[in-house]
Protein backbone atom coordinates (compact mmCIF):
# COMPACT_ATOMS: atom_id res chain seq x y z
CA MET A 1 -30.01 15.37 149.54
CA CYS A 2 -29.46 16.51 145.72
CA ILE A 3 -30.31 14.85 142.71
CA LYS A 4 -28.43 15.66 139.56
CA PHE A 5 -30.85 15.20 136.27
CA SER A 6 -29.48 15.60 132.47
CA LEU A 7 -30.08 18.35 131.20
CA VAL A 8 -32.67 16.97 129.15
CA GLY A 9 -34.30 15.98 132.40
CA SER A 10 -33.83 19.53 133.56
CA ALA A 11 -35.29 20.60 130.64
CA VAL A 12 -38.86 18.29 130.97
CA VAL A 13 -38.81 19.55 135.09
CA PHE A 14 -37.83 22.92 133.64
CA VAL A 15 -41.04 23.01 131.80
CA SER A 16 -43.47 21.27 133.63
CA LEU A 17 -42.14 23.80 135.82
CA LEU A 18 -42.84 26.56 133.88
CA SER A 19 -46.13 25.17 133.01
CA VAL A 20 -47.39 25.51 137.26
CA LEU A 21 -46.29 28.85 137.15
CA THR A 22 -48.01 30.24 134.13
CA GLY A 23 -51.06 28.34 135.22
CA VAL A 24 -51.26 25.98 131.57
CA ALA A 25 -51.64 22.42 132.31
CA GLN A 26 -50.74 20.42 129.52
CA GLU A 27 -48.35 18.08 128.37
CA SER A 28 -44.91 19.26 127.35
CA HIS A 29 -42.64 17.67 124.82
CA VAL A 30 -39.27 17.44 124.83
CA GLY A 31 -37.64 15.18 122.54
CA ASN A 32 -38.89 12.29 122.34
CA LEU A 33 -39.78 12.71 126.22
CA ALA A 34 -43.34 14.31 127.66
CA GLY A 35 -44.11 15.70 130.89
CA ASN A 36 -47.06 16.41 132.30
CA ALA A 37 -47.12 19.67 134.60
CA THR A 38 -49.53 18.16 137.41
CA ARG A 39 -46.94 15.44 137.91
CA GLY A 40 -43.59 17.28 137.38
CA LYS A 41 -45.19 19.75 140.07
CA ALA A 42 -45.39 17.06 142.89
CA LEU A 43 -41.45 15.81 142.09
CA TYR A 44 -40.46 19.33 142.10
CA GLN A 45 -42.20 19.33 145.63
CA ARG A 46 -40.81 16.44 147.22
CA TYR A 47 -37.33 16.62 145.61
CA CYS A 48 -36.22 20.35 144.52
CA ILE A 49 -38.16 22.63 146.74
CA PHE A 50 -35.54 22.40 149.83
CA CYS A 51 -33.01 23.85 147.56
CA HIS A 52 -33.95 26.12 145.12
CA GLY A 53 -37.11 27.26 147.12
CA GLN A 54 -41.21 27.94 145.53
CA TYR A 55 -40.19 30.04 142.73
CA GLY A 56 -37.26 28.13 141.40
CA ASP A 57 -35.14 31.15 142.50
CA GLY A 58 -32.32 29.31 145.22
CA ASN A 59 -33.77 30.36 147.92
CA GLY A 60 -35.10 27.33 149.52
CA GLU A 61 -34.60 26.29 152.75
CA SER A 62 -31.53 24.07 151.93
CA ALA A 63 -30.12 26.27 149.76
CA PRO A 64 -27.22 27.53 151.48
CA TYR A 65 -25.66 23.82 152.10
């Protein structure tokens, strides 16, 4: 199941993921929205990792489908 995000929602997830990958665990701001890297990582692992892969490179186990 693929969940569609708005452009702003995708940006928040991306910024959160980038913070996790770079080891920075701080609050991120995009416009009026704020995100937390720890929470973003949990959401990514639950909803996105299957298609997008562990590193966000599109090599998840469900990517071919």
